[in-house]
Amino acid sequence: MTLAPSRTRLVDARSSFLVLAGWYVAVVVSFGLFLGTLSGSIPAGCGEGCDSERSRALLFGLYVATPALFLALLVSLAMLAVLVSRTRIRSSVVVGTLSAVLPLVVCGLLAASL
């Protein structure tokens, strides 16, 4: 008779999810800090159709970055489910980071190419 491995030695899905969520919170906070560095003033002599750097970045965040982050989050959650159920990694930090970093890097590269 073979005994199944104890679940206490495998990774905890909740703590891995918290690490994953922490990566996404870090991305959103860093975008907010980036927005704080941009100028909110409209260039002088510009007509009605001009926007400030900050408003252009906000529009980019709303229409491009938010859907991309949502898609990356879905991919990360799928990767997290696979990593928790099928790997023997014991560290929640490693599992959460592995499931978050690859989709975020791809999302960042695609956003930077626009």
Protein backbone atom coordinates (compact mmCIF):
# COMPACT_ATOMS: atom_id res chain seq x y z
CA MET A 1 0.00 0.00 0.00
CA THR A 2 1.44 3.38 -1.00
CA LEU A 3 0.61 6.50 0.85
CA ALA A 4 -0.03 9.79 -0.91
CA PRO A 5 2.35 12.63 -0.06
CA SER A 6 1.23 14.86 2.72
CA ARG A 7 -0.46 18.10 1.56
CA THR A 8 1.24 19.99 4.39
CA ARG A 9 4.57 19.70 2.59
CA LEU A 10 3.22 21.12 -0.68
CA VAL A 11 2.66 24.77 -1.47
CA ASP A 12 -0.29 26.66 0.01
CA ALA A 13 -2.58 28.07 -2.69
CA ARG A 14 -3.76 31.02 -0.58
CA SER A 15 -0.33 32.36 0.19
CA SER A 16 0.73 31.86 -3.43
CA PHE A 17 -2.32 33.86 -4.51
CA LEU A 18 -1.37 36.63 -2.10
CA VAL A 19 2.12 36.77 -3.61
CA LEU A 20 0.55 36.89 -7.08
CA ALA A 21 -1.78 39.71 -6.00
CA GLY A 22 1.18 41.54 -4.49
CA TRP A 23 2.91 41.62 -7.87
CA TYR A 24 -0.16 43.12 -9.50
CA VAL A 25 -0.54 45.68 -6.72
CA ALA A 26 3.11 46.62 -7.22
CA VAL A 27 2.49 47.20 -10.94
CA VAL A 28 -0.55 49.41 -10.29
CA VAL A 29 1.24 51.40 -7.57
CA SER A 30 4.29 51.93 -9.78
CA PHE A 31 2.02 53.20 -12.58
CA GLY A 32 0.44 55.61 -10.11
CA LEU A 33 3.87 56.82 -9.02
CA PHE A 34 4.83 57.25 -12.68
CA LEU A 35 1.72 59.38 -13.23
CA GLY A 36 2.83 61.59 -10.36
CA THR A 37 6.02 62.45 -12.20
CA LEU A 38 4.22 63.62 -15.35
CA SER A 39 3.21 67.20 -15.97
CA GLY A 40 -0.47 68.05 -15.80
CA SER A 41 -0.16 71.31 -17.68
CA ILE A 42 -1.27 71.77 -21.26
CA PRO A 43 1.37 73.30 -23.56
CA ALA A 44 0.97 77.04 -24.16
CA GLY A 45 -0.51 78.05 -27.48
CA CYS A 46 -2.17 74.71 -27.98
CA GLY A 47 -5.77 74.54 -29.10
CA GLU A 48 -8.65 72.67 -27.57
CA GLY A 49 -7.52 69.27 -28.81
CA CYS A 50 -4.33 69.16 -26.76
CA ASP A 51 -3.87 67.01 -23.70
CA SER A 52 -1.30 67.03 -20.96
CA GLU A 53 1.23 64.24 -20.55
CA ARG A 54 -0.62 63.02 -17.49
CA SER A 55 -4.00 62.83 -19.23
CA ARG A 56 -2.47 60.95 -22.18
CA ALA A 57 -0.90 58.47 -19.78
CA LEU A 58 -4.22 58.08 -17.95
CA LEU A 59 -6.01 57.39 -21.23
CA PHE A 60 -3.33 54.83 -22.12
CA GLY A 61 -3.78 53.22 -18.73
CA LEU A 62 -7.54 53.13 -19.09
CA TYR A 63 -7.83 51.83 -22.64
CA VAL A 64 -4.66 49.75 -23.06
CA ALA A 65 -3.07 48.85 -19.73
CA THR A 66 -6.23 47.90 -17.83
CA PRO A 67 -7.46 45.30 -20.36
CA ALA A 68 -3.91 44.00 -20.77
CA LEU A 69 -3.51 43.62 -17.00
CA PHE A 70 -6.86 41.85 -16.78
CA LEU A 71 -5.81 39.38 -19.47
CA ALA A 72 -2.44 38.91 -17.77
CA LEU A 73 -4.26 38.28 -14.46
CA LEU A 74 -6.39 35.56 -16.05
CA VAL A 75 -3.28 33.89 -17.49
CA SER A 76 -1.54 34.22 -14.11
CA LEU A 77 -4.45 32.61 -12.29
CA ALA A 78 -4.43 29.71 -14.74
CA MET A 79 -0.67 29.32 -14.31
CA LEU A 80 -1.10 29.47 -10.52
CA ALA A 81 -3.68 26.68 -10.61
CA VAL A 82 -1.37 24.51 -12.71
CA LEU A 83 1.70 25.24 -10.59
CA VAL A 84 -0.10 24.56 -7.31
CA SER A 85 -1.62 21.30 -8.46
CA ARG A 86 1.15 19.79 -10.59
CA THR A 87 4.51 20.89 -9.24
CA ARG A 88 6.47 19.94 -6.19
CA ILE A 89 7.67 23.44 -5.43
CA ARG A 90 7.34 24.05 -1.71
CA SER A 91 7.74 27.82 -1.62
CA SER A 92 4.62 29.95 -2.00
CA VAL A 93 6.77 32.92 -2.94
CA VAL A 94 8.34 31.04 -5.84
CA VAL A 95 5.00 29.72 -7.12
CA GLY A 96 3.29 33.12 -6.85
CA THR A 97 6.19 34.89 -8.52
CA LEU A 98 6.47 32.34 -11.33
CA SER A 99 2.78 32.61 -12.08
CA ALA A 100 2.81 36.44 -12.08
CA VAL A 101 6.08 37.50 -13.66
CA LEU A 102 5.86 35.90 -17.12
CA PRO A 103 2.43 37.38 -18.04
CA LEU A 104 3.42 40.75 -16.58
CA VAL A 105 6.65 40.82 -18.58
CA VAL A 106 4.82 39.93 -21.79
CA CYS A 107 2.19 42.58 -21.03
CA GLY A 108 4.89 45.17 -20.38
CA LEU A 109 6.75 44.34 -23.58
CA LEU A 110 3.58 44.61 -25.63
CA ALA A 111 2.65 47.92 -23.99
CA ALA A 112 6.14 49.30 -24.56
CA SER A 113 6.00 48.40 -28.24
CA LEU A 114 2.90 50.56 -28.82
